[in-house]
Amino acid sequence: VDIDAAEVAKGRTNAGPAAVAQTFAATVPAVEAHTLAA
């Protein structure tokens, strides 16, 4: 899955675990929805 690791790391640096989760979910590409649905 093509996830922007830099954005996830930025969330971890600035605001802790909650920001990591939010930033990670925001960077999961929409194409993953089709994969999971199938």
PDB file of all heavy atoms in Angstrom:
ATOM      1  N   VAL A   1       0.851  -1.180   0.000  1.00  0.00           N
ATOM      2  CA  VAL A   1       0.000   0.000   0.000  1.00  0.00           C
ATOM      3  C   VAL A   1       0.891   1.234   0.000  1.00  0.00           C
ATOM      4  O   VAL A   1       1.842   1.336   0.779  1.00  0.00           O
ATOM      5  CB  VAL A   1      -0.952   0.006   1.221  1.00  0.00           C
ATOM      6  CG1 VAL A   1      -0.180  -0.110   2.521  1.00  0.00           C
ATOM      7  CG2 VAL A   1      -1.824   1.250   1.211  1.00  0.00           C
ATOM      8  N   ASP A   2       0.609   2.160  -0.908  1.00  0.00           N
ATOM      9  CA  ASP A   2       1.445   3.353  -1.089  1.00  0.00           C
ATOM     10  C   ASP A   2       1.012   4.430  -0.098  1.00  0.00           C
ATOM     11  O   ASP A   2       0.098   5.203  -0.353  1.00  0.00           O
ATOM     12  CB  ASP A   2       1.307   3.870  -2.521  1.00  0.00           C
ATOM     13  CG  ASP A   2       2.198   5.080  -2.766  1.00  0.00           C
ATOM     14  OD1 ASP A   2       3.140   5.289  -1.984  1.00  0.00           O
ATOM     15  OD2 ASP A   2       1.940   5.815  -3.750  1.00  0.00           O
ATOM     16  N   ILE A   3       1.681   4.433   1.049  1.00  0.00           N
ATOM     17  CA  ILE A   3       1.344   5.391   2.106  1.00  0.00           C
ATOM     18  C   ILE A   3       2.499   6.367   2.277  1.00  0.00           C
ATOM     19  O   ILE A   3       3.670   5.966   2.243  1.00  0.00           O
ATOM     20  CB  ILE A   3       1.064   4.659   3.425  1.00  0.00           C
ATOM     21  CG1 ILE A   3      -0.188   3.787   3.264  1.00  0.00           C
ATOM     22  CG2 ILE A   3       0.875   5.643   4.575  1.00  0.00           C
ATOM     23  CD1 ILE A   3      -0.469   2.916   4.447  1.00  0.00           C
ATOM     24  N   ASP A   4       2.165   7.630   2.435  1.00  0.00           N
ATOM     25  CA  ASP A   4       3.174   8.678   2.591  1.00  0.00           C
ATOM     26  C   ASP A   4       3.797   8.562   3.977  1.00  0.00           C
ATOM     27  O   ASP A   4       3.266   9.080   4.964  1.00  0.00           O
ATOM     28  CB  ASP A   4       2.535  10.046   2.385  1.00  0.00           C
ATOM     29  CG  ASP A   4       3.571  11.158   2.292  1.00  0.00           C
ATOM     30  OD1 ASP A   4       4.672  10.981   2.843  1.00  0.00           O
ATOM     31  OD2 ASP A   4       3.273  12.197   1.676  1.00  0.00           O
ATOM     32  N   ALA A   5       4.926   7.872   4.072  1.00  0.00           N
ATOM     33  CA  ALA A   5       5.576   7.645   5.365  1.00  0.00           C
ATOM     34  C   ALA A   5       6.018   8.942   6.006  1.00  0.00           C
ATOM     35  O   ALA A   5       6.025   9.073   7.237  1.00  0.00           O
ATOM     36  CB  ALA A   5       6.780   6.715   5.168  1.00  0.00           C
ATOM     37  N   ALA A   6       6.389   9.922   5.197  1.00  0.00           N
ATOM     38  CA  ALA A   6       6.828  11.209   5.742  1.00  0.00           C
ATOM     39  C   ALA A   6       5.701  11.902   6.488  1.00  0.00           C
ATOM     40  O   ALA A   6       5.904  12.491   7.563  1.00  0.00           O
ATOM     41  CB  ALA A   6       7.352  12.101   4.614  1.00  0.00           C
ATOM     42  N   GLU A   7       4.485  11.821   5.936  1.00  0.00           N
ATOM     43  CA  GLU A   7       3.346  12.445   6.597  1.00  0.00           C
ATOM     44  C   GLU A   7       3.025  11.730   7.910  1.00  0.00           C
ATOM     45  O   GLU A   7       2.694  12.355   8.908  1.00  0.00           O
ATOM     46  CB  GLU A   7       2.122  12.439   5.676  1.00  0.00           C
ATOM     47  CG  GLU A   7       2.167  13.475   4.579  1.00  0.00           C
ATOM     48  CD  GLU A   7       2.199  14.883   5.150  1.00  0.00           C
ATOM     49  OE1 GLU A   7       1.402  15.187   6.045  1.00  0.00           O
ATOM     50  OE2 GLU A   7       3.050  15.685   4.704  1.00  0.00           O
ATOM     51  N   VAL A   8       3.104  10.415   7.904  1.00  0.00           N
ATOM     52  CA  VAL A   8       2.865   9.655   9.122  1.00  0.00           C
ATOM     53  C   VAL A   8       3.906  10.005  10.177  1.00  0.00           C
ATOM     54  O   VAL A   8       3.605  10.218  11.352  1.00  0.00           O
ATOM     55  CB  VAL A   8       2.863   8.147   8.836  1.00  0.00           C
ATOM     56  CG1 VAL A   8       2.726   7.366  10.143  1.00  0.00           C
ATOM     57  CG2 VAL A   8       1.734   7.789   7.885  1.00  0.00           C
ATOM     58  N   ALA A   9       5.167  10.084   9.776  1.00  0.00           N
ATOM     59  CA  ALA A   9       6.234  10.434  10.711  1.00  0.00           C
ATOM     60  C   ALA A   9       6.037  11.840  11.252  1.00  0.00           C
ATOM     61  O   ALA A   9       6.273  12.110  12.434  1.00  0.00           O
ATOM     62  CB  ALA A   9       7.587  10.334  10.010  1.00  0.00           C
ATOM     63  N   LYS A  10       5.576  12.733  10.393  1.00  0.00           N
ATOM     64  CA  LYS A  10       5.310  14.108  10.834  1.00  0.00           C
ATOM     65  C   LYS A  10       4.244  14.118  11.914  1.00  0.00           C
ATOM     66  O   LYS A  10       4.349  14.808  12.916  1.00  0.00           O
ATOM     67  CB  LYS A  10       4.861  14.952   9.650  1.00  0.00           C
ATOM     68  CG  LYS A  10       4.541  16.397   9.999  1.00  0.00           C
ATOM     69  CD  LYS A  10       4.082  17.155   8.753  1.00  0.00           C
ATOM     70  CE  LYS A  10       3.683  18.576   9.105  1.00  0.00           C
ATOM     71  NZ  LYS A  10       3.188  19.317   7.927  1.00  0.00           N
ATOM     72  N   GLY A  11       3.183  13.333  11.723  1.00  0.00           N
ATOM     73  CA  GLY A  11       2.137  13.259  12.732  1.00  0.00           C
ATOM     74  C   GLY A  11       2.670  12.726  14.039  1.00  0.00           C
ATOM     75  O   GLY A  11       2.339  13.203  15.114  1.00  0.00           O
ATOM     76  N   ARG A  12       3.576  11.719  13.954  1.00  0.00           N
ATOM     77  CA  ARG A  12       4.143  11.141  15.162  1.00  0.00           C
ATOM     78  C   ARG A  12       4.997  12.172  15.904  1.00  0.00           C
ATOM     79  O   ARG A  12       4.965  12.279  17.113  1.00  0.00           O
ATOM     80  CB  ARG A  12       4.996   9.927  14.805  1.00  0.00           C
ATOM     81  CG  ARG A  12       5.623   9.252  16.014  1.00  0.00           C
ATOM     82  CD  ARG A  12       6.512   8.077  15.634  1.00  0.00           C
ATOM     83  NE  ARG A  12       5.750   6.994  15.056  1.00  0.00           N
ATOM     84  CZ  ARG A  12       5.827   6.631  13.780  1.00  0.00           C
ATOM     85  NH1 ARG A  12       6.603   7.286  12.950  1.00  0.00           N
ATOM     86  NH2 ARG A  12       5.117   5.623  13.339  1.00  0.00           N
ATOM     87  N   THR A  13       5.750  12.965  15.156  1.00  0.00           N
ATOM     88  CA  THR A  13       6.650  13.940  15.768  1.00  0.00           C
ATOM     89  C   THR A  13       5.889  15.076  16.439  1.00  0.00           C
ATOM     90  O   THR A  13       6.209  15.489  17.549  1.00  0.00           O
ATOM     91  CB  THR A  13       7.598  14.540  14.709  1.00  0.00           C
ATOM     92  OG1 THR A  13       8.337  13.478  14.123  1.00  0.00           O
ATOM     93  CG2 THR A  13       8.557  15.540  15.333  1.00  0.00           C
ATOM     94  N   ASN A  14       4.845  15.533  15.793  1.00  0.00           N
ATOM     95  CA  ASN A  14       4.161  16.738  16.273  1.00  0.00           C
ATOM     96  C   ASN A  14       3.131  16.495  17.362  1.00  0.00           C
ATOM     97  O   ASN A  14       2.943  17.338  18.231  1.00  0.00           O
ATOM     98  CB  ASN A  14       3.475  17.456  15.106  1.00  0.00           C
ATOM     99  CG  ASN A  14       4.484  18.061  14.158  1.00  0.00           C
ATOM    100  OD1 ASN A  14       5.651  18.182  14.504  1.00  0.00           O
ATOM    101  ND2 ASN A  14       4.034  18.436  12.968  1.00  0.00           N
ATOM    102  N   ALA A  15       2.439  15.385  17.323  1.00  0.00           N
ATOM    103  CA  ALA A  15       1.304  15.268  18.233  1.00  0.00           C
ATOM    104  C   ALA A  15       1.098  13.888  18.831  1.00  0.00           C
ATOM    105  O   ALA A  15       0.070  13.634  19.423  1.00  0.00           O
ATOM    106  CB  ALA A  15       0.029  15.710  17.517  1.00  0.00           C
ATOM    107  N   GLY A  16       2.034  12.993  18.701  1.00  0.00           N
ATOM    108  CA  GLY A  16       1.914  11.717  19.375  1.00  0.00           C
ATOM    109  C   GLY A  16       1.054  10.706  18.648  1.00  0.00           C
ATOM    110  O   GLY A  16       0.676  10.887  17.491  1.00  0.00           O
ATOM    111  N   PRO A  17       0.699   9.609  19.335  1.00  0.00           N
ATOM    112  CA  PRO A  17       0.010   8.478  18.712  1.00  0.00           C
ATOM    113  C   PRO A  17      -1.305   8.837  18.032  1.00  0.00           C
ATOM    114  O   PRO A  17      -1.629   8.281  16.981  1.00  0.00           O
ATOM    115  CB  PRO A  17      -0.228   7.525  19.890  1.00  0.00           C
ATOM    116  CG  PRO A  17       0.818   7.892  20.884  1.00  0.00           C
ATOM    117  CD  PRO A  17       1.022   9.363  20.743  1.00  0.00           C
ATOM    118  N   ALA A  18      -2.082   9.744  18.631  1.00  0.00           N
ATOM    119  CA  ALA A  18      -3.367  10.094  18.021  1.00  0.00           C
ATOM    120  C   ALA A  18      -3.161  10.713  16.656  1.00  0.00           C
ATOM    121  O   ALA A  18      -3.870  10.412  15.691  1.00  0.00           O
ATOM    122  CB  ALA A  18      -4.133  11.047  18.940  1.00  0.00           C
ATOM    123  N   ALA A  19      -2.162  11.599  16.554  1.00  0.00           N
ATOM    124  CA  ALA A  19      -1.892  12.237  15.270  1.00  0.00           C
ATOM    125  C   ALA A  19      -1.370  11.236  14.256  1.00  0.00           C
ATOM    126  O   ALA A  19      -1.651  11.331  13.064  1.00  0.00           O
ATOM    127  CB  ALA A  19      -0.896  13.378  15.448  1.00  0.00           C
ATOM    128  N   VAL A  20      -0.596  10.252  14.720  1.00  0.00           N
ATOM    129  CA  VAL A  20      -0.113   9.201  13.823  1.00  0.00           C
ATOM    130  C   VAL A  20      -1.298   8.490  13.186  1.00  0.00           C
ATOM    131  O   VAL A  20      -1.362   8.282  11.975  1.00  0.00           O
ATOM    132  CB  VAL A  20       0.768   8.189  14.578  1.00  0.00           C
ATOM    133  CG1 VAL A  20       1.163   7.049  13.643  1.00  0.00           C
ATOM    134  CG2 VAL A  20       2.000   8.869  15.120  1.00  0.00           C
ATOM    135  N   ALA A  21      -2.265   8.091  14.033  1.00  0.00           N
ATOM    136  CA  ALA A  21      -3.434   7.366  13.540  1.00  0.00           C
ATOM    137  C   ALA A  21      -4.219   8.209  12.545  1.00  0.00           C
ATOM    138  O   ALA A  21      -4.610   7.729  11.474  1.00  0.00           O
ATOM    139  CB  ALA A  21      -4.317   6.965  14.715  1.00  0.00           C
ATOM    140  N   GLN A  22      -4.467   9.471  12.897  1.00  0.00           N
ATOM    141  CA  GLN A  22      -5.238  10.346  12.017  1.00  0.00           C
ATOM    142  C   GLN A  22      -4.509  10.570  10.696  1.00  0.00           C
ATOM    143  O   GLN A  22      -5.102  10.496   9.617  1.00  0.00           O
ATOM    144  CB  GLN A  22      -5.491  11.694  12.714  1.00  0.00           C
ATOM    145  CG  GLN A  22      -6.390  11.604  13.934  1.00  0.00           C
ATOM    146  CD  GLN A  22      -7.850  11.394  13.561  1.00  0.00           C
ATOM    147  OE1 GLN A  22      -8.252  11.635  12.436  1.00  0.00           O
ATOM    148  NE2 GLN A  22      -8.656  10.936  14.508  1.00  0.00           N
ATOM    149  N   THR A  23      -3.211  10.854  10.774  1.00  0.00           N
ATOM    150  CA  THR A  23      -2.444  11.124   9.567  1.00  0.00           C
ATOM    151  C   THR A  23      -2.328   9.871   8.704  1.00  0.00           C
ATOM    152  O   THR A  23      -2.448   9.932   7.480  1.00  0.00           O
ATOM    153  CB  THR A  23      -1.028  11.633   9.922  1.00  0.00           C
ATOM    154  OG1 THR A  23      -1.146  12.741  10.799  1.00  0.00           O
ATOM    155  CG2 THR A  23      -0.279  12.067   8.672  1.00  0.00           C
ATOM    156  N   PHE A  24      -2.133   8.732   9.346  1.00  0.00           N
ATOM    157  CA  PHE A  24      -2.033   7.477   8.605  1.00  0.00           C
ATOM    158  C   PHE A  24      -3.327   7.205   7.842  1.00  0.00           C
ATOM    159  O   PHE A  24      -3.309   6.914   6.642  1.00  0.00           O
ATOM    160  CB  PHE A  24      -1.735   6.327   9.555  1.00  0.00           C
ATOM    161  CG  PHE A  24      -1.825   4.968   8.906  1.00  0.00           C
ATOM    162  CD1 PHE A  24      -0.816   4.532   8.061  1.00  0.00           C
ATOM    163  CD2 PHE A  24      -2.910   4.148   9.132  1.00  0.00           C
ATOM    164  CE1 PHE A  24      -0.897   3.286   7.450  1.00  0.00           C
ATOM    165  CE2 PHE A  24      -2.994   2.909   8.529  1.00  0.00           C
ATOM    166  CZ  PHE A  24      -1.987   2.474   7.685  1.00  0.00           C
ATOM    167  N   ALA A  25      -4.472   7.306   8.534  1.00  0.00           N
ATOM    168  CA  ALA A  25      -5.755   7.033   7.889  1.00  0.00           C
ATOM    169  C   ALA A  25      -5.996   7.993   6.736  1.00  0.00           C
ATOM    170  O   ALA A  25      -6.569   7.621   5.712  1.00  0.00           O
ATOM    171  CB  ALA A  25      -6.879   7.127   8.916  1.00  0.00           C
ATOM    172  N   ALA A  26      -5.562   9.245   6.914  1.00  0.00           N
ATOM    173  CA  ALA A  26      -5.765  10.237   5.864  1.00  0.00           C
ATOM    174  C   ALA A  26      -4.907   9.955   4.633  1.00  0.00           C
ATOM    175  O   ALA A  26      -5.233  10.390   3.526  1.00  0.00           O
ATOM    176  CB  ALA A  26      -5.446  11.624   6.404  1.00  0.00           C
ATOM    177  N   THR A  27      -3.821   9.205   4.826  1.00  0.00           N
ATOM    178  CA  THR A  27      -2.920   8.944   3.706  1.00  0.00           C
ATOM    179  C   THR A  27      -3.128   7.577   3.063  1.00  0.00           C
ATOM    180  O   THR A  27      -2.495   7.277   2.053  1.00  0.00           O
ATOM    181  CB  THR A  27      -1.440   9.056   4.157  1.00  0.00           C
ATOM    182  OG1 THR A  27      -1.217   8.150   5.237  1.00  0.00           O
ATOM    183  CG2 THR A  27      -1.122  10.465   4.611  1.00  0.00           C
ATOM    184  N   VAL A  28      -3.996   6.748   3.625  1.00  0.00           N
ATOM    185  CA  VAL A  28      -4.314   5.467   2.985  1.00  0.00           C
ATOM    186  C   VAL A  28      -5.051   5.771   1.680  1.00  0.00           C
ATOM    187  O   VAL A  28      -6.090   6.411   1.697  1.00  0.00           O
ATOM    188  CB  VAL A  28      -5.188   4.584   3.901  1.00  0.00           C
ATOM    189  CG1 VAL A  28      -5.607   3.314   3.159  1.00  0.00           C
ATOM    190  CG2 VAL A  28      -4.444   4.217   5.162  1.00  0.00           C
ATOM    191  N   PRO A  29      -4.536   5.343   0.564  1.00  0.00           N
ATOM    192  CA  PRO A  29      -5.152   5.721  -0.722  1.00  0.00           C
ATOM    193  C   PRO A  29      -6.548   5.143  -0.897  1.00  0.00           C
ATOM    194  O   PRO A  29      -6.866   4.064  -0.389  1.00  0.00           O
ATOM    195  CB  PRO A  29      -4.175   5.141  -1.752  1.00  0.00           C
ATOM    196  CG  PRO A  29      -3.458   4.043  -1.040  1.00  0.00           C
ATOM    197  CD  PRO A  29      -3.345   4.505   0.389  1.00  0.00           C
ATOM    198  N   ALA A  30      -7.359   5.884  -1.634  1.00  0.00           N
ATOM    199  CA  ALA A  30      -8.746   5.480  -1.834  1.00  0.00           C
ATOM    200  C   ALA A  30      -8.863   4.146  -2.543  1.00  0.00           C
ATOM    201  O   ALA A  30      -9.853   3.425  -2.357  1.00  0.00           O
ATOM    202  CB  ALA A  30      -9.483   6.564  -2.624  1.00  0.00           C
ATOM    203  N   VAL A  31      -7.864   3.777  -3.343  1.00  0.00           N
ATOM    204  CA  VAL A  31      -7.929   2.510  -4.065  1.00  0.00           C
ATOM    205  C   VAL A  31      -7.997   1.329  -3.100  1.00  0.00           C
ATOM    206  O   VAL A  31      -8.493   0.250  -3.452  1.00  0.00           O
ATOM    207  CB  VAL A  31      -6.700   2.369  -5.008  1.00  0.00           C
ATOM    208  CG1 VAL A  31      -5.409   2.184  -4.212  1.00  0.00           C
ATOM    209  CG2 VAL A  31      -6.904   1.208  -5.990  1.00  0.00           C
ATOM    210  N   GLU A  32      -7.526   1.520  -1.866  1.00  0.00           N
ATOM    211  CA  GLU A  32      -7.595   0.456  -0.869  1.00  0.00           C
ATOM    212  C   GLU A  32      -9.035   0.050  -0.584  1.00  0.00           C
ATOM    213  O   GLU A  32      -9.317  -1.093  -0.242  1.00  0.00           O
ATOM    214  CB  GLU A  32      -6.924   0.903   0.433  1.00  0.00           C
ATOM    215  CG  GLU A  32      -5.421   0.773   0.448  1.00  0.00           C
ATOM    216  CD  GLU A  32      -4.976  -0.675   0.558  1.00  0.00           C
ATOM    217  OE1 GLU A  32      -5.014  -1.240   1.668  1.00  0.00           O
ATOM    218  OE2 GLU A  32      -4.592  -1.249  -0.472  1.00  0.00           O
ATOM    219  N   ALA A  33      -9.960   1.001  -0.695  1.00  0.00           N
ATOM    220  CA  ALA A  33     -11.371   0.681  -0.444  1.00  0.00           C
ATOM    221  C   ALA A  33     -11.862  -0.375  -1.422  1.00  0.00           C
ATOM    222  O   ALA A  33     -12.621  -1.280  -1.052  1.00  0.00           O
ATOM    223  CB  ALA A  33     -12.224   1.943  -0.548  1.00  0.00           C
ATOM    224  N   HIS A  34     -11.443  -0.270  -2.673  1.00  0.00           N
ATOM    225  CA  HIS A  34     -11.851  -1.262  -3.674  1.00  0.00           C
ATOM    226  C   HIS A  34     -11.231  -2.620  -3.362  1.00  0.00           C
ATOM    227  O   HIS A  34     -11.880  -3.661  -3.513  1.00  0.00           O
ATOM    228  CB  HIS A  34     -11.428  -0.791  -5.067  1.00  0.00           C
ATOM    229  CG  HIS A  34     -12.047   0.509  -5.478  1.00  0.00           C
ATOM    230  ND1 HIS A  34     -13.394   0.641  -5.744  1.00  0.00           N
ATOM    231  CD2 HIS A  34     -11.509   1.745  -5.638  1.00  0.00           C
ATOM    232  CE1 HIS A  34     -13.665   1.891  -6.066  1.00  0.00           C
ATOM    233  NE2 HIS A  34     -12.533   2.588  -6.009  1.00  0.00           N
ATOM    234  N   THR A  35      -9.999  -2.619  -2.915  1.00  0.00           N
ATOM    235  CA  THR A  35      -9.331  -3.871  -2.551  1.00  0.00           C
ATOM    236  C   THR A  35     -10.039  -4.540  -1.382  1.00  0.00           C
ATOM    237  O   THR A  35     -10.352  -5.743  -1.418  1.00  0.00           O
ATOM    238  CB  THR A  35      -7.864  -3.607  -2.186  1.00  0.00           C
ATOM    239  OG1 THR A  35      -7.196  -3.005  -3.292  1.00  0.00           O
ATOM    240  CG2 THR A  35      -7.153  -4.895  -1.798  1.00  0.00           C
ATOM    241  N   LEU A  36     -10.293  -3.761  -0.331  1.00  0.00           N
ATOM    242  CA  LEU A  36     -10.957  -4.319   0.852  1.00  0.00           C
ATOM    243  C   LEU A  36     -12.366  -4.774   0.531  1.00  0.00           C
ATOM    244  O   LEU A  36     -12.819  -5.822   0.999  1.00  0.00           O
ATOM    245  CB  LEU A  36     -10.980  -3.273   1.965  1.00  0.00           C
ATOM    246  CG  LEU A  36      -9.616  -2.885   2.552  1.00  0.00           C
ATOM    247  CD1 LEU A  36      -9.769  -1.734   3.539  1.00  0.00           C
ATOM    248  CD2 LEU A  36      -8.959  -4.075   3.231  1.00  0.00           C
ATOM    249  N   ALA A  37     -13.087  -3.995  -0.257  1.00  0.00           N
ATOM    250  CA  ALA A  37     -14.458  -4.361  -0.616  1.00  0.00           C
ATOM    251  C   ALA A  37     -14.491  -5.697  -1.350  1.00  0.00           C
ATOM    252  O   ALA A  37     -15.359  -6.548  -1.090  1.00  0.00           O
ATOM    253  CB  ALA A  37     -15.081  -3.265  -1.478  1.00  0.00           C
ATOM    254  N   ALA A  38     -13.565  -5.890  -2.249  1.00  0.00           N
ATOM    255  CA  ALA A  38     -13.526  -7.144  -3.003  1.00  0.00           C
ATOM    256  C   ALA A  38     -13.220  -8.334  -2.100  1.00  0.00           C
ATOM    257  O   ALA A  38     -13.804  -9.415  -2.245  1.00  0.00           O
ATOM    258  CB  ALA A  38     -12.486  -7.037  -4.115  1.00  0.00           C
TER     259      ALA A  38
END
